């Protein structure tokens, strides 16, 4: 055994004996737990040839078991989700640093992206018929819903005629379709299926708003946004 090897731990000695140059841990986490992760070890390929890969995989259960514990001592993973932050995924590159005058050590470098659920709010205009406009102005306090559900809230107790029920049914279908099909433009992220809508929320619109034959509808869409994770 060389003098320098006396500084190496048993895991480092095994790493060098097998000719390993790097280890890649692929992982994903979120929902308050680590999800899938694995370790793959690589060494230079001894076989030469045009179609030969530069590196090949090395199997070593002993090192896998070691890093399965040690990586969590060396790297911070962000598993906890809160509805806004979802989780992160990526990889950790592990190398053995033993060529300088310092004590040899395993270096852990995380490269990952975090996943966030962002809400985009926008007021859109829904074209109404004359009968719909009159019915809303006379009877409706607000309309809200999302993901296939809708609730029409009235200003007072209302007895609906057959014609009124037909107007309400067409209104509900129209508003749900407009909210579902709306796609924000020039916003960061990937559009999710989840959405909500309302005619007045006390913030964007104080009360139900109709200009001419256009109903102002506040639509909230969820976007998945990916950002580089912190180490």
Protein backbone atom coordinates (compact mmCIF):
# COMPACT_ATOMS: atom_id res chain seq x y z
CA UNK A 1 0.00 0.00 0.00
CA UNK A 2 1.34 3.43 -0.95
CA UNK A 3 1.84 6.09 1.72
CA UNK A 4 -0.90 8.28 0.20
CA UNK A 5 -3.35 5.39 0.37
CA UNK A 6 -3.08 5.43 4.16
CA UNK A 7 -5.17 8.60 4.09
CA UNK A 8 -7.99 6.88 2.21
CA UNK A 9 -11.08 5.42 3.84
CA UNK A 10 -12.12 1.84 2.95
CA UNK A 11 -14.74 3.25 0.57
CA UNK A 12 -12.14 5.40 -1.17
CA UNK A 13 -9.79 2.42 -1.52
CA UNK A 14 -12.59 0.32 -3.04
CA UNK A 15 -13.47 3.18 -5.39
CA UNK A 16 -9.86 3.33 -6.64
CA UNK A 17 -9.51 -0.48 -6.81
CA UNK A 18 -12.51 -0.66 -9.15
CA UNK A 19 -11.17 2.19 -11.27
CA UNK A 20 -14.26 4.35 -10.70
CA UNK A 21 -14.01 7.97 -11.83
CA UNK A 22 -17.49 9.22 -10.98
CA UNK A 23 -20.88 8.32 -9.59
CA UNK A 24 -24.20 9.86 -10.66
CA UNK A 25 -27.18 9.92 -8.33
CA UNK A 26 -30.43 10.67 -10.18
CA UNK A 27 -33.24 11.75 -7.88
CA UNK A 28 -36.63 13.34 -7.51
CA UNK A 29 -38.26 14.50 -4.30
CA UNK A 30 -41.37 16.31 -3.15
CA UNK A 31 -44.61 15.68 -1.29
CA UNK A 32 -42.60 15.57 1.95
CA UNK A 33 -40.44 12.62 0.93
CA UNK A 34 -37.61 11.44 -1.28
CA UNK A 35 -39.10 9.66 -4.24
CA UNK A 36 -37.04 7.69 -6.77
CA UNK A 37 -33.26 7.82 -6.68
CA UNK A 38 -30.40 5.58 -7.79
CA UNK A 39 -26.61 5.48 -8.00
CA UNK A 40 -24.61 4.65 -11.14
CA UNK A 41 -20.82 4.25 -11.04
CA UNK A 42 -18.59 4.84 -14.05
CA UNK A 43 -15.04 3.97 -15.06
CA UNK A 44 -13.09 4.46 -18.33
CA UNK A 45 -13.80 1.86 -20.99
CA UNK A 46 -10.77 -0.35 -21.58
CA UNK A 47 -12.08 -1.45 -24.94
CA UNK A 48 -11.02 0.74 -27.82
CA UNK A 49 -13.02 1.20 -30.96
CA UNK A 50 -15.01 3.67 -33.01
CA UNK A 51 -18.36 2.68 -31.53
CA UNK A 52 -17.17 2.06 -28.01
CA UNK A 53 -18.43 4.37 -25.21
CA UNK A 54 -15.86 6.41 -23.32
CA UNK A 55 -17.06 5.06 -19.96
CA UNK A 56 -18.85 1.96 -18.74
CA UNK A 57 -20.91 1.24 -15.65
CA UNK A 58 -19.54 -0.51 -12.59
CA UNK A 59 -21.68 -2.51 -10.17
CA UNK A 60 -20.78 -2.25 -6.48
CA UNK A 61 -23.41 -2.83 -3.80
CA UNK A 62 -21.01 -1.88 -1.02
CA UNK A 63 -20.47 1.62 -2.42
CA UNK A 64 -24.17 2.00 -3.18
CA UNK A 65 -25.00 1.23 0.43
CA UNK A 66 -22.35 3.69 1.61
CA UNK A 67 -23.57 6.58 -0.55
CA UNK A 68 -27.20 5.75 0.19
CA UNK A 69 -26.42 7.07 3.67
CA UNK A 70 -23.57 9.51 3.10
CA UNK A 71 -25.22 11.60 0.36
CA UNK A 72 -27.86 12.79 2.82
CA UNK A 73 -25.12 13.99 5.16
CA UNK A 74 -23.46 15.98 2.38
CA UNK A 75 -26.32 17.30 0.24
CA UNK A 76 -29.50 19.20 1.08
CA UNK A 77 -32.64 17.92 -0.63
CA UNK A 78 -35.89 19.86 -0.40
CA UNK A 79 -38.68 17.32 0.00
CA UNK A 80 -41.25 19.44 1.84
CA UNK A 81 -44.06 20.74 -0.38
CA UNK A 82 -46.47 23.50 0.54
CA UNK A 83 -48.74 23.81 -2.49
CA UNK A 84 -46.57 26.55 -3.98
CA UNK A 85 -43.26 24.69 -3.87
CA UNK A 86 -43.76 21.17 -5.29
CA UNK A 87 -40.34 19.51 -5.23
CA UNK A 88 -37.09 19.14 -7.13
CA UNK A 89 -35.35 16.66 -9.40
CA UNK A 90 -31.93 16.30 -10.97
CA UNK A 91 -28.67 14.61 -10.14
CA UNK A 92 -25.72 14.64 -7.77
CA UNK A 93 -22.27 14.07 -9.27
CA UNK A 94 -19.84 12.37 -6.90
CA UNK A 95 -16.08 12.30 -7.46
CA UNK A 96 -13.06 11.39 -5.36
CA UNK A 97 -10.67 14.32 -4.81
CA UNK A 98 -7.26 12.99 -3.74
CA UNK A 99 -4.67 14.62 -5.98
CA UNK A 100 -3.71 17.64 -3.90
CA UNK A 101 -2.03 18.10 -0.56
CA UNK A 102 -5.30 18.17 1.37
CA UNK A 103 -6.99 15.17 2.90
CA UNK A 104 -8.81 13.13 0.22
CA UNK A 105 -12.58 13.49 0.19
CA UNK A 106 -15.66 12.67 -1.86
CA UNK A 107 -17.01 15.75 -3.60
CA UNK A 108 -20.81 16.03 -3.99
CA UNK A 109 -22.17 18.46 -6.60
CA UNK A 110 -25.95 18.81 -6.97
CA UNK A 111 -27.45 19.92 -10.28
CA UNK A 112 -31.23 20.13 -10.05
CA UNK A 113 -34.36 22.08 -10.87
CA UNK A 114 -37.09 22.91 -8.40
CA UNK A 115 -40.75 22.77 -9.40
CA UNK A 116 -43.22 25.48 -8.40
CA UNK A 117 -46.95 25.95 -8.88
CA UNK A 118 -47.60 29.61 -9.73
CA UNK A 119 -51.00 31.24 -10.12
CA UNK A 120 -51.69 33.56 -13.04
CA UNK A 121 -54.76 35.82 -12.75
CA UNK A 122 -56.28 37.62 -15.70
CA UNK A 123 -59.61 39.30 -16.45
CA UNK A 124 -61.15 38.09 -19.71
CA UNK A 125 -64.28 39.17 -21.55
CA UNK A 126 -67.17 36.79 -22.22
CA UNK A 127 -69.67 37.69 -24.95
CA UNK A 128 -73.30 37.40 -23.79
CA UNK A 129 -76.69 37.48 -25.44
CA UNK A 130 -79.11 40.31 -24.63
CA UNK A 131 -81.23 37.97 -22.50
CA UNK A 132 -78.18 36.84 -20.54
CA UNK A 133 -77.18 40.45 -19.84
CA UNK A 134 -80.65 41.36 -18.55
CA UNK A 135 -80.90 38.23 -16.41
CA UNK A 136 -77.50 38.85 -14.79
CA UNK A 137 -78.17 42.52 -14.08
CA UNK A 138 -81.57 41.79 -12.57
CA UNK A 139 -80.81 38.69 -10.55
CA UNK A 140 -77.17 37.66 -10.07
CA UNK A 141 -74.76 38.76 -7.35
CA UNK A 142 -71.77 36.70 -8.50
CA UNK A 143 -70.70 33.56 -10.34
CA UNK A 144 -67.70 31.44 -9.43
CA UNK A 145 -66.30 27.96 -9.84
CA UNK A 146 -63.56 25.93 -11.45
CA UNK A 147 -62.62 22.51 -12.78
CA UNK A 148 -66.12 21.69 -13.97
CA UNK A 149 -67.98 23.22 -11.02
CA UNK A 150 -69.95 26.46 -11.12
CA UNK A 151 -72.10 28.34 -8.62
CA UNK A 152 -74.55 31.13 -9.48
CA UNK A 153 -75.37 33.28 -6.44
CA UNK A 154 -78.48 35.43 -6.57
CA UNK A 155 -79.18 38.88 -5.13
CA UNK A 156 -82.38 37.61 -3.51
CA UNK A 157 -84.70 34.63 -3.48
CA UNK A 158 -85.57 33.96 -7.11
CA UNK A 159 -88.20 31.70 -8.65
CA UNK A 160 -86.87 30.68 -12.04
CA UNK A 161 -89.16 30.14 -14.99
CA UNK A 162 -88.41 27.51 -17.60
CA UNK A 163 -86.94 30.27 -19.78
CA UNK A 164 -84.79 31.51 -16.90
CA UNK A 165 -83.46 28.00 -16.25
CA UNK A 166 -82.54 27.74 -19.91
CA UNK A 167 -80.64 31.05 -19.71
CA UNK A 168 -78.81 29.94 -16.56
CA UNK A 169 -77.83 26.61 -18.15
CA UNK A 170 -76.42 28.35 -21.24
CA UNK A 171 -74.61 30.90 -19.06
CA UNK A 172 -72.98 28.17 -16.99
CA UNK A 173 -71.82 26.27 -20.06
CA UNK A 174 -70.52 29.43 -21.74
CA UNK A 175 -68.59 30.67 -18.71
CA UNK A 176 -67.09 27.26 -17.92
CA UNK A 177 -65.98 26.80 -21.52
CA UNK A 178 -64.42 30.28 -21.71
CA UNK A 179 -62.54 29.80 -18.43
CA UNK A 180 -61.31 26.31 -19.32
CA UNK A 181 -60.16 27.25 -22.84
CA UNK A 182 -58.42 30.47 -21.81
CA UNK A 183 -54.61 30.25 -22.17
CA UNK A 184 -52.44 33.08 -20.80
CA UNK A 185 -49.86 34.48 -23.17
CA UNK A 186 -46.27 35.52 -22.44
CA UNK A 187 -46.19 33.96 -18.96
CA UNK A 188 -43.53 31.74 -17.45
CA UNK A 189 -44.21 28.05 -17.01
CA UNK A 190 -46.30 25.18 -18.32
CA UNK A 191 -50.08 25.42 -18.12
CA UNK A 192 -51.76 23.00 -15.71
CA UNK A 193 -55.33 21.73 -16.00
CA UNK A 194 -56.41 23.27 -12.69
CA UNK A 195 -58.23 26.61 -12.87
CA UNK A 196 -60.78 28.74 -11.00
CA UNK A 197 -62.92 31.70 -12.02
CA UNK A 198 -65.18 34.35 -10.52
CA UNK A 199 -67.05 37.43 -11.65
CA UNK A 200 -66.02 39.53 -8.62
CA UNK A 201 -63.49 38.92 -5.88
CA UNK A 202 -63.31 42.26 -4.08
CA UNK A 203 -59.82 42.80 -5.47
CA UNK A 204 -59.64 42.64 -9.25
CA UNK A 205 -63.36 43.44 -9.54
CA UNK A 206 -65.50 44.73 -6.67
CA UNK A 207 -68.79 43.69 -8.24
CA UNK A 208 -70.13 41.87 -11.26
CA UNK A 209 -69.17 43.95 -14.30
CA UNK A 210 -70.92 44.03 -17.67
CA UNK A 211 -69.99 46.49 -20.41
CA UNK A 212 -72.32 46.32 -23.37
CA UNK A 213 -72.73 42.60 -23.89
CA UNK A 214 -69.38 41.60 -22.34
CA UNK A 215 -69.07 40.04 -18.90
CA UNK A 216 -65.75 40.52 -17.10
CA UNK A 217 -64.55 37.18 -15.75
CA UNK A 218 -61.54 36.73 -13.45
CA UNK A 219 -59.72 33.53 -14.39
CA UNK A 220 -56.98 31.95 -12.28
CA UNK A 221 -54.76 29.45 -14.05
CA UNK A 222 -52.06 27.33 -12.45
CA UNK A 223 -48.63 27.21 -14.09
CA UNK A 224 -45.78 24.81 -13.36
CA UNK A 225 -42.49 26.72 -13.27
CA UNK A 226 -39.02 25.13 -13.15
CA UNK A 227 -36.07 26.97 -11.59
CA UNK A 228 -32.50 26.03 -10.76
CA UNK A 229 -32.33 24.60 -7.25
CA UNK A 230 -30.05 25.90 -4.55
CA UNK A 231 -27.35 23.55 -3.31
